[in-house]
Amino acid sequence: MAFAVIETGGKQYKVTPGQKLHVETLAGEKDASVSFDKVLLVADGEEVKVGAPYVSGARVEAKITGSGREDKRIVFKYHSKTRYKKKKGHRQHYTELEIISVK
């Protein structure tokens, strides 16, 4: 089974064809095609290519299937003995992708 490690939004993801994943917000409409050329590793059966830092000529094709916001995360700051506390919520935006192919 082929897989690759790609970099997008400052994070690294291990992807395989047919997989769905959430990444940092990308520009593009629903059903638009996205291509990633920052591929750090490609493995296809016994053959493994590791980039330095990227594998030249490697591409990962994906399709945007939607976008949204993650569940709320609570950010709570507290200092003991000083009556300091601060509560804040945060919802991160994401783009949902479906991986089409690893080349």
N, C-alpha and C. Protein backbone atom coordinates (compact mmCIF):
# COMPACT_ATOMS: atom_id res chain seq x y z
N MET A 1 0.84 -1.18 0.00
CA MET A 1 0.00 0.00 0.00
C MET A 1 0.88 1.25 0.00
N ALA A 2 0.62 2.15 -0.91
CA ALA A 2 1.41 3.37 -1.04
C ALA A 2 0.95 4.41 -0.02
N PHE A 3 1.92 5.13 0.53
CA PHE A 3 1.59 6.26 1.39
C PHE A 3 2.66 7.32 1.25
N ALA A 4 2.35 8.51 1.74
CA ALA A 4 3.30 9.62 1.67
C ALA A 4 3.16 10.47 2.92
N VAL A 5 4.19 11.25 3.20
CA VAL A 5 4.14 12.23 4.28
C VAL A 5 4.25 13.60 3.61
N ILE A 6 3.21 14.44 3.81
CA ILE A 6 3.19 15.76 3.20
C ILE A 6 3.25 16.83 4.28
N GLU A 7 3.62 18.02 3.86
CA GLU A 7 3.67 19.17 4.76
C GLU A 7 2.72 20.23 4.24
N THR A 8 1.81 20.69 5.11
CA THR A 8 0.91 21.78 4.77
C THR A 8 0.48 22.47 6.05
N GLY A 9 0.43 23.78 6.02
CA GLY A 9 0.02 24.54 7.19
C GLY A 9 0.96 24.41 8.37
N GLY A 10 2.25 24.12 8.11
CA GLY A 10 3.21 23.98 9.18
C GLY A 10 3.14 22.65 9.91
N LYS A 11 2.33 21.73 9.40
CA LYS A 11 2.19 20.42 10.03
C LYS A 11 2.48 19.32 9.00
N GLN A 12 2.76 18.12 9.49
CA GLN A 12 3.04 16.99 8.62
C GLN A 12 1.95 15.95 8.78
N TYR A 13 1.53 15.34 7.66
CA TYR A 13 0.47 14.36 7.66
C TYR A 13 0.88 13.13 6.87
N LYS A 14 0.59 11.94 7.41
CA LYS A 14 0.78 10.70 6.67
C LYS A 14 -0.52 10.43 5.93
N VAL A 15 -0.45 10.31 4.59
CA VAL A 15 -1.66 10.17 3.79
C VAL A 15 -1.58 8.94 2.89
N THR A 16 -2.74 8.34 2.62
CA THR A 16 -2.87 7.23 1.69
C THR A 16 -4.04 7.53 0.76
N PRO A 17 -4.06 6.98 -0.45
CA PRO A 17 -5.18 7.23 -1.37
C PRO A 17 -6.51 6.78 -0.75
N GLY A 18 -7.53 7.64 -0.91
CA GLY A 18 -8.85 7.35 -0.37
C GLY A 18 -9.08 7.88 1.04
N GLN A 19 -8.03 8.34 1.69
CA GLN A 19 -8.14 8.84 3.06
C GLN A 19 -8.77 10.23 3.10
N LYS A 20 -9.53 10.52 4.15
CA LYS A 20 -10.08 11.85 4.39
C LYS A 20 -9.39 12.42 5.61
N LEU A 21 -9.04 13.72 5.57
CA LEU A 21 -8.38 14.34 6.70
C LEU A 21 -8.70 15.82 6.76
N HIS A 22 -8.51 16.41 7.94
CA HIS A 22 -8.69 17.84 8.16
C HIS A 22 -7.31 18.49 8.21
N VAL A 23 -7.13 19.57 7.44
CA VAL A 23 -5.88 20.33 7.45
C VAL A 23 -6.21 21.79 7.71
N GLU A 24 -5.17 22.60 7.92
CA GLU A 24 -5.38 24.04 8.08
C GLU A 24 -6.09 24.59 6.85
N THR A 25 -6.79 25.69 7.01
CA THR A 25 -7.61 26.26 5.94
C THR A 25 -6.81 26.49 4.67
N LEU A 26 -7.34 25.99 3.54
CA LEU A 26 -6.74 26.19 2.22
C LEU A 26 -7.70 27.00 1.36
N ALA A 27 -7.16 27.79 0.45
CA ALA A 27 -7.99 28.54 -0.47
C ALA A 27 -8.54 27.60 -1.53
N GLY A 28 -9.81 27.71 -1.83
CA GLY A 28 -10.42 26.86 -2.85
C GLY A 28 -11.85 26.53 -2.49
N GLU A 29 -12.63 26.27 -3.53
CA GLU A 29 -14.04 25.92 -3.35
C GLU A 29 -14.19 24.41 -3.17
N LYS A 30 -15.40 23.99 -2.81
CA LYS A 30 -15.71 22.58 -2.67
C LYS A 30 -15.57 21.90 -4.03
N ASP A 31 -15.08 20.68 -4.05
CA ASP A 31 -14.81 19.87 -5.24
C ASP A 31 -13.65 20.40 -6.09
N ALA A 32 -12.89 21.36 -5.58
CA ALA A 32 -11.70 21.84 -6.29
C ALA A 32 -10.56 20.86 -6.05
N SER A 33 -9.63 20.81 -6.99
CA SER A 33 -8.48 19.92 -6.89
C SER A 33 -7.30 20.67 -6.27
N VAL A 34 -6.57 19.99 -5.40
CA VAL A 34 -5.41 20.57 -4.73
C VAL A 34 -4.24 19.62 -4.94
N SER A 35 -3.06 20.19 -5.19
CA SER A 35 -1.86 19.38 -5.38
C SER A 35 -0.81 19.80 -4.37
N PHE A 36 -0.21 18.83 -3.69
CA PHE A 36 0.85 19.10 -2.72
C PHE A 36 2.17 18.65 -3.30
N ASP A 37 3.14 19.56 -3.37
CA ASP A 37 4.46 19.19 -3.87
C ASP A 37 5.50 19.16 -2.74
N LYS A 38 5.11 19.56 -1.54
CA LYS A 38 6.01 19.45 -0.39
C LYS A 38 5.83 18.06 0.22
N VAL A 39 6.43 17.07 -0.46
CA VAL A 39 6.32 15.67 -0.04
C VAL A 39 7.64 15.29 0.62
N LEU A 40 7.57 14.85 1.87
CA LEU A 40 8.77 14.53 2.64
C LEU A 40 9.19 13.08 2.46
N LEU A 41 8.23 12.18 2.21
CA LEU A 41 8.53 10.76 2.11
C LEU A 41 7.48 10.10 1.24
N VAL A 42 7.91 9.17 0.39
CA VAL A 42 6.98 8.38 -0.42
C VAL A 42 7.39 6.91 -0.27
N ALA A 43 6.41 6.06 0.09
CA ALA A 43 6.68 4.63 0.24
C ALA A 43 5.66 3.88 -0.62
N ASP A 44 6.17 2.98 -1.47
CA ASP A 44 5.31 2.18 -2.34
C ASP A 44 5.81 0.74 -2.28
N GLY A 45 5.23 -0.04 -1.41
CA GLY A 45 5.69 -1.42 -1.24
C GLY A 45 7.06 -1.45 -0.58
N GLU A 46 8.05 -2.01 -1.28
CA GLU A 46 9.41 -2.10 -0.75
C GLU A 46 10.23 -0.84 -1.02
N GLU A 47 9.81 -0.02 -1.98
CA GLU A 47 10.57 1.16 -2.37
C GLU A 47 10.19 2.35 -1.49
N VAL A 48 11.19 2.97 -0.86
CA VAL A 48 10.97 4.14 0.00
C VAL A 48 11.89 5.26 -0.45
N LYS A 49 11.31 6.43 -0.70
CA LYS A 49 12.09 7.61 -1.07
C LYS A 49 11.94 8.65 0.03
N VAL A 50 13.08 9.10 0.56
CA VAL A 50 13.09 10.10 1.62
C VAL A 50 13.70 11.36 1.06
N GLY A 51 13.04 12.49 1.25
CA GLY A 51 13.52 13.76 0.71
C GLY A 51 14.51 14.43 1.62
N ALA A 52 15.22 15.42 1.05
CA ALA A 52 16.18 16.20 1.81
C ALA A 52 16.08 17.66 1.41
N PRO A 53 15.09 18.44 1.80
CA PRO A 53 13.98 18.08 2.67
C PRO A 53 12.77 17.49 1.93
N TYR A 54 12.65 17.72 0.61
CA TYR A 54 11.49 17.22 -0.13
C TYR A 54 11.92 16.23 -1.21
N VAL A 55 11.02 15.31 -1.56
CA VAL A 55 11.27 14.35 -2.64
C VAL A 55 10.99 15.07 -3.96
N SER A 56 11.99 15.13 -4.84
CA SER A 56 11.81 15.85 -6.11
C SER A 56 10.91 15.03 -7.03
N GLY A 57 9.97 15.72 -7.67
CA GLY A 57 9.06 15.08 -8.61
C GLY A 57 7.88 14.37 -7.98
N ALA A 58 7.80 14.34 -6.67
CA ALA A 58 6.68 13.65 -6.01
C ALA A 58 5.52 14.62 -5.83
N ARG A 59 4.30 14.11 -6.01
CA ARG A 59 3.09 14.92 -5.86
C ARG A 59 2.01 14.10 -5.18
N VAL A 60 1.16 14.80 -4.46
CA VAL A 60 -0.03 14.18 -3.86
C VAL A 60 -1.22 15.00 -4.33
N GLU A 61 -2.16 14.32 -4.99
CA GLU A 61 -3.37 14.99 -5.49
C GLU A 61 -4.50 14.76 -4.50
N ALA A 62 -5.28 15.83 -4.25
CA ALA A 62 -6.40 15.74 -3.31
C ALA A 62 -7.57 16.56 -3.83
N LYS A 63 -8.74 16.30 -3.27
CA LYS A 63 -9.95 17.04 -3.63
C LYS A 63 -10.55 17.62 -2.36
N ILE A 64 -10.95 18.90 -2.41
CA ILE A 64 -11.57 19.54 -1.26
C ILE A 64 -13.01 19.05 -1.16
N THR A 65 -13.37 18.47 -0.01
CA THR A 65 -14.73 17.96 0.17
C THR A 65 -15.55 18.83 1.11
N GLY A 66 -14.95 19.82 1.73
CA GLY A 66 -15.71 20.71 2.60
C GLY A 66 -14.80 21.52 3.50
N SER A 67 -15.42 22.33 4.33
CA SER A 67 -14.67 23.13 5.30
C SER A 67 -15.56 23.35 6.51
N GLY A 68 -14.98 23.77 7.61
CA GLY A 68 -15.76 23.99 8.81
C GLY A 68 -14.89 24.45 9.95
N ARG A 69 -15.41 24.26 11.16
CA ARG A 69 -14.69 24.63 12.37
C ARG A 69 -14.67 23.45 13.33
N GLU A 70 -13.53 23.26 13.98
CA GLU A 70 -13.37 22.18 14.95
C GLU A 70 -14.24 22.45 16.18
N ASP A 71 -14.31 21.47 17.07
CA ASP A 71 -15.01 21.64 18.34
C ASP A 71 -14.30 22.69 19.19
N LYS A 72 -15.04 23.29 20.10
CA LYS A 72 -14.47 24.36 20.92
C LYS A 72 -13.43 23.80 21.89
N ARG A 73 -12.32 24.49 21.98
CA ARG A 73 -11.26 24.19 22.94
C ARG A 73 -11.27 25.30 23.98
N ILE A 74 -11.17 24.95 25.24
CA ILE A 74 -11.14 25.93 26.31
C ILE A 74 -9.69 26.27 26.64
N VAL A 75 -9.39 27.58 26.67
CA VAL A 75 -8.07 28.07 27.07
C VAL A 75 -8.26 28.73 28.42
N PHE A 76 -7.67 28.16 29.47
CA PHE A 76 -7.88 28.67 30.82
C PHE A 76 -6.53 29.03 31.43
N LYS A 77 -6.39 30.29 31.82
CA LYS A 77 -5.16 30.75 32.46
C LYS A 77 -5.47 31.03 33.92
N TYR A 78 -4.55 30.63 34.81
CA TYR A 78 -4.80 30.77 36.23
C TYR A 78 -3.49 30.99 36.96
N HIS A 79 -3.45 31.99 37.81
CA HIS A 79 -2.31 32.22 38.69
C HIS A 79 -2.80 32.09 40.12
N SER A 80 -2.20 31.22 40.87
CA SER A 80 -2.64 31.03 42.25
C SER A 80 -2.23 32.22 43.11
N LYS A 81 -3.00 32.49 44.11
CA LYS A 81 -2.74 33.50 45.15
C LYS A 81 -2.82 34.93 44.64
N THR A 82 -3.22 35.17 43.38
CA THR A 82 -3.28 36.54 42.87
C THR A 82 -4.65 36.90 42.31
N ARG A 83 -5.63 36.01 42.49
CA ARG A 83 -6.99 36.23 41.98
C ARG A 83 -7.02 36.44 40.47
N TYR A 84 -6.14 35.79 39.75
CA TYR A 84 -6.08 35.93 38.30
C TYR A 84 -6.60 34.66 37.65
N LYS A 85 -7.63 34.80 36.86
CA LYS A 85 -8.08 33.69 36.03
C LYS A 85 -8.74 34.26 34.79
N LYS A 86 -8.52 33.57 33.68
CA LYS A 86 -9.05 34.02 32.39
C LYS A 86 -9.50 32.79 31.62
N LYS A 87 -10.75 32.78 31.17
CA LYS A 87 -11.31 31.66 30.42
C LYS A 87 -11.68 32.15 29.04
N LYS A 88 -11.23 31.39 28.01
CA LYS A 88 -11.46 31.79 26.63
C LYS A 88 -11.71 30.54 25.80
N GLY A 89 -12.59 30.62 24.81
CA GLY A 89 -12.85 29.50 23.92
C GLY A 89 -12.25 29.76 22.55
N HIS A 90 -11.92 28.69 21.83
CA HIS A 90 -11.32 28.82 20.50
C HIS A 90 -11.83 27.70 19.59
N ARG A 91 -12.22 28.05 18.36
CA ARG A 91 -12.62 27.05 17.36
C ARG A 91 -11.78 27.28 16.11
N GLN A 92 -10.96 26.28 15.77
CA GLN A 92 -10.03 26.38 14.64
C GLN A 92 -10.76 26.06 13.32
N HIS A 93 -10.53 26.85 12.29
CA HIS A 93 -11.08 26.58 10.97
C HIS A 93 -10.26 25.47 10.30
N TYR A 94 -10.92 24.66 9.47
CA TYR A 94 -10.23 23.58 8.77
C TYR A 94 -10.81 23.40 7.38
N THR A 95 -10.03 22.70 6.53
CA THR A 95 -10.49 22.27 5.22
C THR A 95 -10.43 20.75 5.20
N GLU A 96 -11.50 20.10 4.76
CA GLU A 96 -11.53 18.65 4.69
C GLU A 96 -11.10 18.21 3.29
N LEU A 97 -10.15 17.27 3.24
CA LEU A 97 -9.62 16.78 1.96
C LEU A 97 -9.85 15.29 1.82
N GLU A 98 -9.95 14.85 0.57
CA GLU A 98 -9.92 13.43 0.26
C GLU A 98 -8.74 13.21 -0.68
N ILE A 99 -7.83 12.33 -0.28
CA ILE A 99 -6.61 12.07 -1.06
C ILE A 99 -6.99 11.21 -2.26
N ILE A 100 -6.62 11.69 -3.45
CA ILE A 100 -6.92 10.98 -4.70
C ILE A 100 -5.78 10.04 -5.08
N SER A 101 -4.55 10.58 -5.13
CA SER A 101 -3.44 9.75 -5.56
C SER A 101 -2.12 10.21 -4.95
N VAL A 102 -1.18 9.28 -4.88
CA VAL A 102 0.20 9.56 -4.42
C VAL A 102 1.10 9.19 -5.58
N LYS A 103 1.83 10.18 -6.12
CA LYS A 103 2.70 9.93 -7.28
C LYS A 103 4.14 10.21 -6.93
